[in-house]
Amino acid sequence: MSNRERKRDGIFVGTAIIFFALFLGRQTALIPSGAIYAEVGPTIVPWIVTGLLASLGLAIIVESYLGHWHVNKEHGVFDRVSLFWIGLGLGLNVALIGIAGFILSSATLFVCAARAFGSAHPLRDAGIGFAVALIAYVGFDRLLGYQIGDGLIENLI
């Protein structure tokens, strides 16, 4: 790959990231922040991510312009089975969150994602996913007071 092609690729990638940051900034500006008492509103993290993405895009453009941008063209094989497991996990999460609740749907997503990454221990993965989802639920619902869903397990807590 010539130096000119590397520069072109880097500028393209950096510009694409900056456009994504601009889109994210536009969407973040649409988030209502009506909490008068809060110094940190619901838009602080999206604005931080927007700024970091824009900085990343700019850094990639500068690095490619200076000739330091290198693209590794080798990549792994496309694994359709792993893509299926990730898609199944996301689909089940969306389908189950209203019925079974946040904890069980998130644990299901965790099991499917672990399977996509090669795990052959679904019971262990279900236990880990359940524990992580339970901690997340308690953290959001009980500590922060932010409702993230009711379900079978959530009604027992």
N, C-alpha and C. Protein backbone atom coordinates (compact mmCIF):
# COMPACT_ATOMS: atom_id res chain seq x y z
N MET A 1 0.85 -1.17 0.00
CA MET A 1 0.00 0.00 0.00
C MET A 1 0.90 1.24 0.00
N SER A 2 0.60 2.14 -0.88
CA SER A 2 1.43 3.34 -0.99
C SER A 2 1.11 4.32 0.14
N ASN A 3 2.04 5.26 0.33
CA ASN A 3 1.87 6.28 1.37
C ASN A 3 0.63 7.13 1.08
N ARG A 4 0.38 7.39 -0.19
CA ARG A 4 -0.79 8.19 -0.58
C ARG A 4 -2.10 7.48 -0.23
N GLU A 5 -2.14 6.16 -0.47
CA GLU A 5 -3.34 5.38 -0.14
C GLU A 5 -3.56 5.35 1.37
N ARG A 6 -2.48 5.22 2.15
CA ARG A 6 -2.61 5.22 3.62
C ARG A 6 -3.17 6.55 4.10
N LYS A 7 -2.67 7.64 3.53
CA LYS A 7 -3.18 8.97 3.92
C LYS A 7 -4.66 9.09 3.59
N ARG A 8 -5.03 8.65 2.39
CA ARG A 8 -6.43 8.72 1.97
C ARG A 8 -7.32 7.90 2.90
N ASP A 9 -6.89 6.68 3.22
CA ASP A 9 -7.68 5.82 4.11
C ASP A 9 -7.82 6.44 5.50
N GLY A 10 -6.73 6.97 6.02
CA GLY A 10 -6.78 7.58 7.35
C GLY A 10 -7.67 8.81 7.38
N ILE A 11 -7.58 9.63 6.35
CA ILE A 11 -8.44 10.83 6.29
C ILE A 11 -9.90 10.42 6.16
N PHE A 12 -10.17 9.38 5.39
CA PHE A 12 -11.54 8.90 5.26
C PHE A 12 -12.08 8.40 6.60
N VAL A 13 -11.30 7.57 7.29
CA VAL A 13 -11.74 7.03 8.59
C VAL A 13 -11.93 8.15 9.60
N GLY A 14 -10.96 9.07 9.69
CA GLY A 14 -11.07 10.18 10.63
C GLY A 14 -12.28 11.06 10.35
N THR A 15 -12.53 11.34 9.07
CA THR A 15 -13.68 12.16 8.69
C THR A 15 -14.99 11.45 9.04
N ALA A 16 -15.04 10.14 8.78
CA ALA A 16 -16.25 9.38 9.13
C ALA A 16 -16.51 9.43 10.63
N ILE A 17 -15.47 9.32 11.43
CA ILE A 17 -15.63 9.37 12.89
C ILE A 17 -16.10 10.76 13.32
N ILE A 18 -15.57 11.80 12.71
CA ILE A 18 -16.01 13.17 13.04
C ILE A 18 -17.47 13.37 12.67
N PHE A 19 -17.89 12.85 11.50
CA PHE A 19 -19.31 12.97 11.13
C PHE A 19 -20.20 12.21 12.10
N PHE A 20 -19.74 11.05 12.57
CA PHE A 20 -20.51 10.32 13.58
C PHE A 20 -20.59 11.13 14.87
N ALA A 21 -19.49 11.78 15.25
CA ALA A 21 -19.49 12.61 16.46
C ALA A 21 -20.46 13.79 16.29
N LEU A 22 -20.51 14.37 15.11
CA LEU A 22 -21.47 15.46 14.86
C LEU A 22 -22.91 14.97 14.98
N PHE A 23 -23.18 13.79 14.43
CA PHE A 23 -24.51 13.20 14.54
C PHE A 23 -24.85 12.93 16.00
N LEU A 24 -23.90 12.37 16.74
CA LEU A 24 -24.11 12.09 18.16
C LEU A 24 -24.35 13.38 18.94
N GLY A 25 -23.60 14.44 18.61
CA GLY A 25 -23.81 15.73 19.26
C GLY A 25 -25.19 16.29 18.99
N ARG A 26 -25.65 16.14 17.75
CA ARG A 26 -27.00 16.62 17.40
C ARG A 26 -28.06 15.85 18.20
N GLN A 27 -27.90 14.55 18.29
CA GLN A 27 -28.85 13.74 19.05
C GLN A 27 -28.77 14.05 20.54
N THR A 28 -27.59 14.30 21.05
CA THR A 28 -27.43 14.64 22.46
C THR A 28 -28.10 15.96 22.78
N ALA A 29 -28.03 16.91 21.86
CA ALA A 29 -28.66 18.21 22.08
C ALA A 29 -30.18 18.08 22.18
N LEU A 30 -30.75 17.00 21.66
CA LEU A 30 -32.20 16.79 21.71
C LEU A 30 -32.67 16.16 23.01
N ILE A 31 -31.74 15.69 23.84
CA ILE A 31 -32.10 15.05 25.11
C ILE A 31 -32.59 16.13 26.08
N PRO A 32 -33.81 15.98 26.59
CA PRO A 32 -34.29 16.98 27.55
C PRO A 32 -33.57 16.85 28.89
N SER A 33 -33.19 17.97 29.44
CA SER A 33 -32.56 17.95 30.76
C SER A 33 -33.29 18.95 31.64
N GLY A 34 -34.41 18.50 32.19
CA GLY A 34 -35.26 19.38 32.97
C GLY A 34 -34.93 19.43 34.45
N ALA A 35 -33.93 18.69 34.88
CA ALA A 35 -33.60 18.67 36.30
C ALA A 35 -32.85 19.94 36.68
N ILE A 36 -33.52 20.83 37.38
CA ILE A 36 -32.93 22.12 37.76
C ILE A 36 -31.93 21.93 38.90
N TYR A 37 -32.19 20.99 39.78
CA TYR A 37 -31.36 20.81 40.96
C TYR A 37 -30.07 20.06 40.67
N ALA A 38 -30.00 19.35 39.57
CA ALA A 38 -28.82 18.52 39.29
C ALA A 38 -27.75 19.32 38.57
N GLU A 39 -26.54 19.23 39.08
CA GLU A 39 -25.42 19.88 38.41
C GLU A 39 -24.95 19.05 37.22
N VAL A 40 -25.09 17.75 37.32
CA VAL A 40 -24.72 16.86 36.23
C VAL A 40 -26.01 16.27 35.69
N GLY A 41 -26.35 16.62 34.48
CA GLY A 41 -27.59 16.15 33.88
C GLY A 41 -27.40 14.88 33.08
N PRO A 42 -28.45 14.45 32.40
CA PRO A 42 -28.39 13.20 31.65
C PRO A 42 -27.58 13.29 30.36
N THR A 43 -27.09 14.48 30.02
CA THR A 43 -26.35 14.62 28.77
C THR A 43 -24.83 14.65 28.96
N ILE A 44 -24.36 14.57 30.17
CA ILE A 44 -22.93 14.72 30.41
C ILE A 44 -22.11 13.61 29.75
N VAL A 45 -22.52 12.36 29.89
CA VAL A 45 -21.77 11.25 29.30
C VAL A 45 -21.84 11.29 27.77
N PRO A 46 -23.02 11.50 27.17
CA PRO A 46 -23.03 11.61 25.71
C PRO A 46 -22.16 12.76 25.18
N TRP A 47 -22.10 13.88 25.91
CA TRP A 47 -21.23 14.97 25.45
C TRP A 47 -19.76 14.60 25.57
N ILE A 48 -19.41 13.87 26.63
CA ILE A 48 -18.02 13.42 26.78
C ILE A 48 -17.66 12.47 25.64
N VAL A 49 -18.55 11.52 25.34
CA VAL A 49 -18.30 10.58 24.25
C VAL A 49 -18.20 11.32 22.92
N THR A 50 -19.06 12.31 22.71
CA THR A 50 -19.01 13.10 21.48
C THR A 50 -17.67 13.80 21.34
N GLY A 51 -17.21 14.42 22.41
CA GLY A 51 -15.92 15.10 22.37
C GLY A 51 -14.76 14.16 22.13
N LEU A 52 -14.81 12.99 22.78
CA LEU A 52 -13.73 12.01 22.58
C LEU A 52 -13.73 11.46 21.16
N LEU A 53 -14.91 11.21 20.60
CA LEU A 53 -14.97 10.73 19.22
C LEU A 53 -14.44 11.77 18.25
N ALA A 54 -14.83 13.02 18.44
CA ALA A 54 -14.33 14.08 17.56
C ALA A 54 -12.81 14.20 17.69
N SER A 55 -12.29 14.10 18.90
CA SER A 55 -10.84 14.15 19.11
C SER A 55 -10.15 12.97 18.44
N LEU A 56 -10.73 11.80 18.54
CA LEU A 56 -10.18 10.61 17.90
C LEU A 56 -10.13 10.79 16.39
N GLY A 57 -11.23 11.27 15.80
CA GLY A 57 -11.26 11.50 14.36
C GLY A 57 -10.21 12.49 13.93
N LEU A 58 -10.07 13.57 14.67
CA LEU A 58 -9.07 14.58 14.35
C LEU A 58 -7.65 14.00 14.48
N ALA A 59 -7.42 13.21 15.52
CA ALA A 59 -6.10 12.60 15.72
C ALA A 59 -5.76 11.64 14.58
N ILE A 60 -6.74 10.89 14.11
CA ILE A 60 -6.50 9.97 12.99
C ILE A 60 -6.17 10.74 11.73
N ILE A 61 -6.87 11.84 11.48
CA ILE A 61 -6.58 12.66 10.31
C ILE A 61 -5.17 13.22 10.38
N VAL A 62 -4.79 13.75 11.53
CA VAL A 62 -3.44 14.31 11.70
C VAL A 62 -2.38 13.22 11.52
N GLU A 63 -2.59 12.06 12.16
CA GLU A 63 -1.63 10.96 12.04
C GLU A 63 -1.50 10.48 10.60
N SER A 64 -2.61 10.40 9.88
CA SER A 64 -2.52 9.95 8.49
C SER A 64 -1.85 11.00 7.62
N TYR A 65 -2.11 12.26 7.89
CA TYR A 65 -1.46 13.33 7.13
C TYR A 65 0.05 13.33 7.35
N LEU A 66 0.47 13.02 8.57
CA LEU A 66 1.90 12.96 8.88
C LEU A 66 2.55 11.66 8.41
N GLY A 67 1.73 10.71 7.94
CA GLY A 67 2.26 9.45 7.44
C GLY A 67 2.42 8.37 8.48
N HIS A 68 1.81 8.54 9.64
CA HIS A 68 1.93 7.56 10.72
C HIS A 68 0.75 6.59 10.78
N TRP A 69 -0.22 6.74 9.91
CA TRP A 69 -1.42 5.90 9.92
C TRP A 69 -1.12 4.62 9.16
N HIS A 70 -1.27 3.47 9.84
CA HIS A 70 -1.03 2.18 9.20
C HIS A 70 -2.28 1.33 9.34
N VAL A 71 -2.70 0.74 8.26
CA VAL A 71 -3.88 -0.11 8.26
C VAL A 71 -3.42 -1.55 8.07
N ASN A 72 -3.85 -2.40 8.96
CA ASN A 72 -3.55 -3.82 8.83
C ASN A 72 -4.66 -4.46 8.02
N LYS A 73 -4.34 -4.88 6.83
CA LYS A 73 -5.36 -5.44 5.92
C LYS A 73 -5.72 -6.88 6.27
N GLU A 74 -4.91 -7.56 7.09
CA GLU A 74 -5.24 -8.93 7.46
C GLU A 74 -6.33 -8.92 8.53
N HIS A 75 -7.22 -9.85 8.42
CA HIS A 75 -8.27 -9.97 9.42
C HIS A 75 -8.68 -11.43 9.52
N GLY A 76 -9.46 -11.71 10.52
CA GLY A 76 -9.90 -13.08 10.74
C GLY A 76 -11.00 -13.48 9.78
N VAL A 77 -11.42 -14.70 9.93
CA VAL A 77 -12.49 -15.23 9.08
C VAL A 77 -13.83 -14.74 9.61
N PHE A 78 -14.76 -14.52 8.70
CA PHE A 78 -16.10 -14.10 9.08
C PHE A 78 -16.82 -15.31 9.68
N ASP A 79 -17.25 -15.17 10.93
CA ASP A 79 -17.88 -16.28 11.64
C ASP A 79 -19.38 -16.06 11.72
N ARG A 80 -20.12 -16.73 10.86
CA ARG A 80 -21.58 -16.56 10.81
C ARG A 80 -22.26 -17.09 12.07
N VAL A 81 -21.70 -18.13 12.65
CA VAL A 81 -22.31 -18.72 13.85
C VAL A 81 -22.24 -17.73 15.01
N SER A 82 -21.10 -17.07 15.17
CA SER A 82 -20.98 -16.07 16.25
C SER A 82 -21.91 -14.90 16.02
N LEU A 83 -22.02 -14.45 14.77
CA LEU A 83 -22.95 -13.38 14.44
C LEU A 83 -24.38 -13.80 14.76
N PHE A 84 -24.72 -15.05 14.48
CA PHE A 84 -26.05 -15.56 14.81
C PHE A 84 -26.31 -15.48 16.31
N TRP A 85 -25.32 -15.91 17.12
CA TRP A 85 -25.50 -15.91 18.58
C TRP A 85 -25.68 -14.49 19.12
N ILE A 86 -24.89 -13.55 18.60
CA ILE A 86 -25.04 -12.15 19.03
C ILE A 86 -26.41 -11.62 18.64
N GLY A 87 -26.83 -11.89 17.41
CA GLY A 87 -28.15 -11.45 16.95
C GLY A 87 -29.28 -12.08 17.75
N LEU A 88 -29.14 -13.37 18.04
CA LEU A 88 -30.14 -14.06 18.85
C LEU A 88 -30.22 -13.46 20.24
N GLY A 89 -29.06 -13.20 20.84
CA GLY A 89 -29.04 -12.60 22.17
C GLY A 89 -29.70 -11.24 22.21
N LEU A 90 -29.40 -10.40 21.23
CA LEU A 90 -30.02 -9.07 21.18
C LEU A 90 -31.52 -9.17 20.95
N GLY A 91 -31.91 -10.07 20.04
CA GLY A 91 -33.34 -10.25 19.77
C GLY A 91 -34.09 -10.76 20.99
N LEU A 92 -33.52 -11.74 21.68
CA LEU A 92 -34.16 -12.26 22.89
C LEU A 92 -34.22 -11.21 23.99
N ASN A 93 -33.19 -10.39 24.09
CA ASN A 93 -33.19 -9.33 25.09
C ASN A 93 -34.35 -8.39 24.85
N VAL A 94 -34.53 -7.97 23.63
CA VAL A 94 -35.62 -7.05 23.30
C VAL A 94 -36.97 -7.72 23.52
N ALA A 95 -37.08 -9.00 23.13
CA ALA A 95 -38.36 -9.70 23.26
C ALA A 95 -38.71 -10.02 24.71
N LEU A 96 -37.71 -10.31 25.53
CA LEU A 96 -37.98 -10.76 26.89
C LEU A 96 -38.01 -9.66 27.95
N ILE A 97 -37.46 -8.50 27.65
CA ILE A 97 -37.33 -7.49 28.70
C ILE A 97 -38.68 -7.04 29.23
N GLY A 98 -39.69 -6.99 28.39
CA GLY A 98 -41.03 -6.60 28.84
C GLY A 98 -41.76 -7.72 29.56
N ILE A 99 -41.40 -8.95 29.26
CA ILE A 99 -42.09 -10.11 29.84
C ILE A 99 -41.38 -10.61 31.09
N ALA A 100 -40.10 -10.95 30.93
CA ALA A 100 -39.34 -11.57 32.01
C ALA A 100 -38.60 -10.55 32.87
N GLY A 101 -38.41 -9.35 32.36
CA GLY A 101 -37.74 -8.31 33.12
C GLY A 101 -36.28 -8.15 32.72
N PHE A 102 -35.67 -7.12 33.29
CA PHE A 102 -34.30 -6.74 32.94
C PHE A 102 -33.29 -7.83 33.29
N ILE A 103 -33.39 -8.41 34.46
CA ILE A 103 -32.37 -9.35 34.93
C ILE A 103 -32.32 -10.60 34.07
N LEU A 104 -33.46 -11.23 33.84
CA LEU A 104 -33.47 -12.46 33.05
C LEU A 104 -33.14 -12.21 31.58
N SER A 105 -33.63 -11.11 31.03
CA SER A 105 -33.32 -10.83 29.62
C SER A 105 -31.85 -10.49 29.44
N SER A 106 -31.26 -9.79 30.40
CA SER A 106 -29.84 -9.46 30.32
C SER A 106 -28.98 -10.70 30.52
N ALA A 107 -29.39 -11.59 31.40
CA ALA A 107 -28.64 -12.84 31.60
C ALA A 107 -28.69 -13.68 30.33
N THR A 108 -29.83 -13.68 29.64
CA THR A 108 -29.95 -14.41 28.38
C THR A 108 -29.02 -13.82 27.33
N LEU A 109 -28.96 -12.50 27.26
CA LEU A 109 -28.05 -11.83 26.34
C LEU A 109 -26.60 -12.20 26.66
N PHE A 110 -26.26 -12.25 27.94
CA PHE A 110 -24.90 -12.59 28.35
C PHE A 110 -24.54 -14.01 27.92
N VAL A 111 -25.47 -14.95 28.09
CA VAL A 111 -25.22 -16.34 27.70
C VAL A 111 -24.97 -16.42 26.19
N CYS A 112 -25.79 -15.74 25.41
CA CYS A 112 -25.63 -15.77 23.95
C CYS A 112 -24.32 -15.11 23.51
N ALA A 113 -23.97 -13.99 24.15
CA ALA A 113 -22.71 -13.31 23.81
C ALA A 113 -21.51 -14.18 24.19
N ALA A 114 -21.58 -14.84 25.34
CA ALA A 114 -20.49 -15.73 25.74
C ALA A 114 -20.35 -16.88 24.76
N ARG A 115 -21.47 -17.41 24.30
CA ARG A 115 -21.45 -18.48 23.30
C ARG A 115 -20.84 -18.00 21.99
N ALA A 116 -21.14 -16.77 21.62
CA ALA A 116 -20.57 -16.20 20.39
C ALA A 116 -19.06 -16.07 20.49
N PHE A 117 -18.55 -15.87 21.70
CA PHE A 117 -17.10 -15.76 21.89
C PHE A 117 -16.45 -17.10 22.20
N GLY A 118 -17.23 -18.19 22.08
CA GLY A 118 -16.64 -19.51 22.18
C GLY A 118 -16.84 -20.26 23.47
N SER A 119 -17.63 -19.73 24.39
CA SER A 119 -17.84 -20.43 25.64
C SER A 119 -18.72 -21.67 25.43
N ALA A 120 -18.36 -22.74 26.11
CA ALA A 120 -19.14 -23.97 26.03
C ALA A 120 -19.75 -24.31 27.38
N HIS A 121 -19.93 -23.31 28.24
CA HIS A 121 -20.44 -23.52 29.60
C HIS A 121 -21.66 -22.62 29.84
N PRO A 122 -22.82 -22.96 29.27
CA PRO A 122 -23.97 -22.06 29.38
C PRO A 122 -24.50 -21.88 30.80
N LEU A 123 -24.39 -22.89 31.65
CA LEU A 123 -24.88 -22.73 33.03
C LEU A 123 -24.00 -21.76 33.81
N ARG A 124 -22.69 -21.89 33.64
CA ARG A 124 -21.78 -20.94 34.29
C ARG A 124 -22.03 -19.53 33.77
N ASP A 125 -22.18 -19.40 32.45
CA ASP A 125 -22.42 -18.09 31.85
C ASP A 125 -23.74 -17.50 32.33
N ALA A 126 -24.75 -18.34 32.50
CA ALA A 126 -26.04 -17.87 33.00
C ALA A 126 -25.89 -17.34 34.43
N GLY A 127 -25.12 -18.02 35.24
CA GLY A 127 -24.88 -17.56 36.61
C GLY A 127 -24.15 -16.23 36.64
N ILE A 128 -23.12 -16.11 35.82
CA ILE A 128 -22.37 -14.85 35.76
C ILE A 128 -23.26 -13.74 35.22
N GLY A 129 -23.99 -14.02 34.15
CA GLY A 129 -24.88 -13.01 33.57
C GLY A 129 -25.96 -12.58 34.55
N PHE A 130 -26.50 -13.55 35.29
CA PHE A 130 -27.52 -13.22 36.29
C PHE A 130 -26.94 -12.32 37.38
N ALA A 131 -25.74 -12.65 37.85
CA ALA A 131 -25.12 -11.85 38.91
C ALA A 131 -24.82 -10.43 38.44
N VAL A 132 -24.28 -10.30 37.24
CA VAL A 132 -23.97 -8.97 36.72
C VAL A 132 -25.25 -8.16 36.51
N ALA A 133 -26.28 -8.79 35.95
CA ALA A 133 -27.55 -8.09 35.72
C ALA A 133 -28.22 -7.71 37.04
N LEU A 134 -28.13 -8.58 38.04
CA LEU A 134 -28.70 -8.28 39.36
C LEU A 134 -28.00 -7.08 39.98
N ILE A 135 -26.68 -7.06 39.91
CA ILE A 135 -25.92 -5.93 40.45
C ILE A 135 -26.28 -4.64 39.71
N ALA A 136 -26.39 -4.72 38.38
CA ALA A 136 -26.77 -3.54 37.60
C ALA A 136 -28.17 -3.07 37.97
N TYR A 137 -29.10 -4.02 38.13
CA TYR A 137 -30.47 -3.65 38.48
C TYR A 137 -30.53 -2.98 39.85
N VAL A 138 -29.86 -3.58 40.83
CA VAL A 138 -29.87 -3.00 42.17
C VAL A 138 -29.20 -1.62 42.15
N GLY A 139 -28.12 -1.50 41.41
CA GLY A 139 -27.43 -0.22 41.32
C GLY A 139 -28.31 0.87 40.73
N PHE A 140 -28.98 0.56 39.64
CA PHE A 140 -29.81 1.57 38.99
C PHE A 140 -31.12 1.79 39.75
N ASP A 141 -31.80 0.71 40.09
CA ASP A 141 -33.14 0.83 40.68
C ASP A 141 -33.10 1.28 42.14
N ARG A 142 -32.30 0.64 42.93
CA ARG A 142 -32.32 0.91 44.36
C ARG A 142 -31.40 2.07 44.76
N LEU A 143 -30.20 2.12 44.18
CA LEU A 143 -29.26 3.16 44.59
C LEU A 143 -29.50 4.49 43.86
N LEU A 144 -29.75 4.43 42.55
CA LEU A 144 -29.94 5.67 41.78
C LEU A 144 -31.41 6.05 41.65
N GLY A 145 -32.30 5.12 41.93
CA GLY A 145 -33.73 5.41 41.82
C GLY A 145 -34.20 5.50 40.38
N TYR A 146 -33.51 4.84 39.46
CA TYR A 146 -33.86 4.88 38.05
C TYR A 146 -34.46 3.54 37.65
N GLN A 147 -35.74 3.52 37.32
CA GLN A 147 -36.45 2.30 36.96
C GLN A 147 -35.96 1.76 35.62
N ILE A 148 -35.42 0.54 35.61
CA ILE A 148 -35.00 -0.05 34.35
C ILE A 148 -35.82 -1.28 34.01
N GLY A 149 -36.95 -1.45 34.64
CA GLY A 149 -37.85 -2.53 34.27
C GLY A 149 -38.25 -3.40 35.44
N ASP A 150 -39.45 -3.91 35.36
CA ASP A 150 -39.96 -4.86 36.33
C ASP A 150 -40.13 -6.20 35.65
N GLY A 151 -39.94 -7.24 36.41
CA GLY A 151 -40.09 -8.60 35.86
C GLY A 151 -40.21 -9.60 36.97
N LEU A 152 -40.00 -10.85 36.63
CA LEU A 152 -40.17 -11.94 37.58
C LEU A 152 -39.24 -11.80 38.78
N ILE A 153 -37.96 -11.59 38.55
CA ILE A 153 -36.99 -11.49 39.64
C ILE A 153 -37.09 -10.11 40.32
N GLU A 154 -37.29 -9.09 39.53
CA GLU A 154 -37.34 -7.72 40.06
C GLU A 154 -38.47 -7.56 41.08
N ASN A 155 -39.58 -8.25 40.88
CA ASN A 155 -40.70 -8.15 41.81
C ASN A 155 -40.44 -8.88 43.11
N LEU A 156 -39.47 -9.78 43.13
CA LEU A 156 -39.11 -10.49 44.35
C LEU A 156 -38.16 -9.69 45.23
N ILE A 157 -37.45 -8.76 44.61
CA ILE A 157 -36.43 -7.98 45.34
C ILE A 157 -37.08 -6.82 46.05
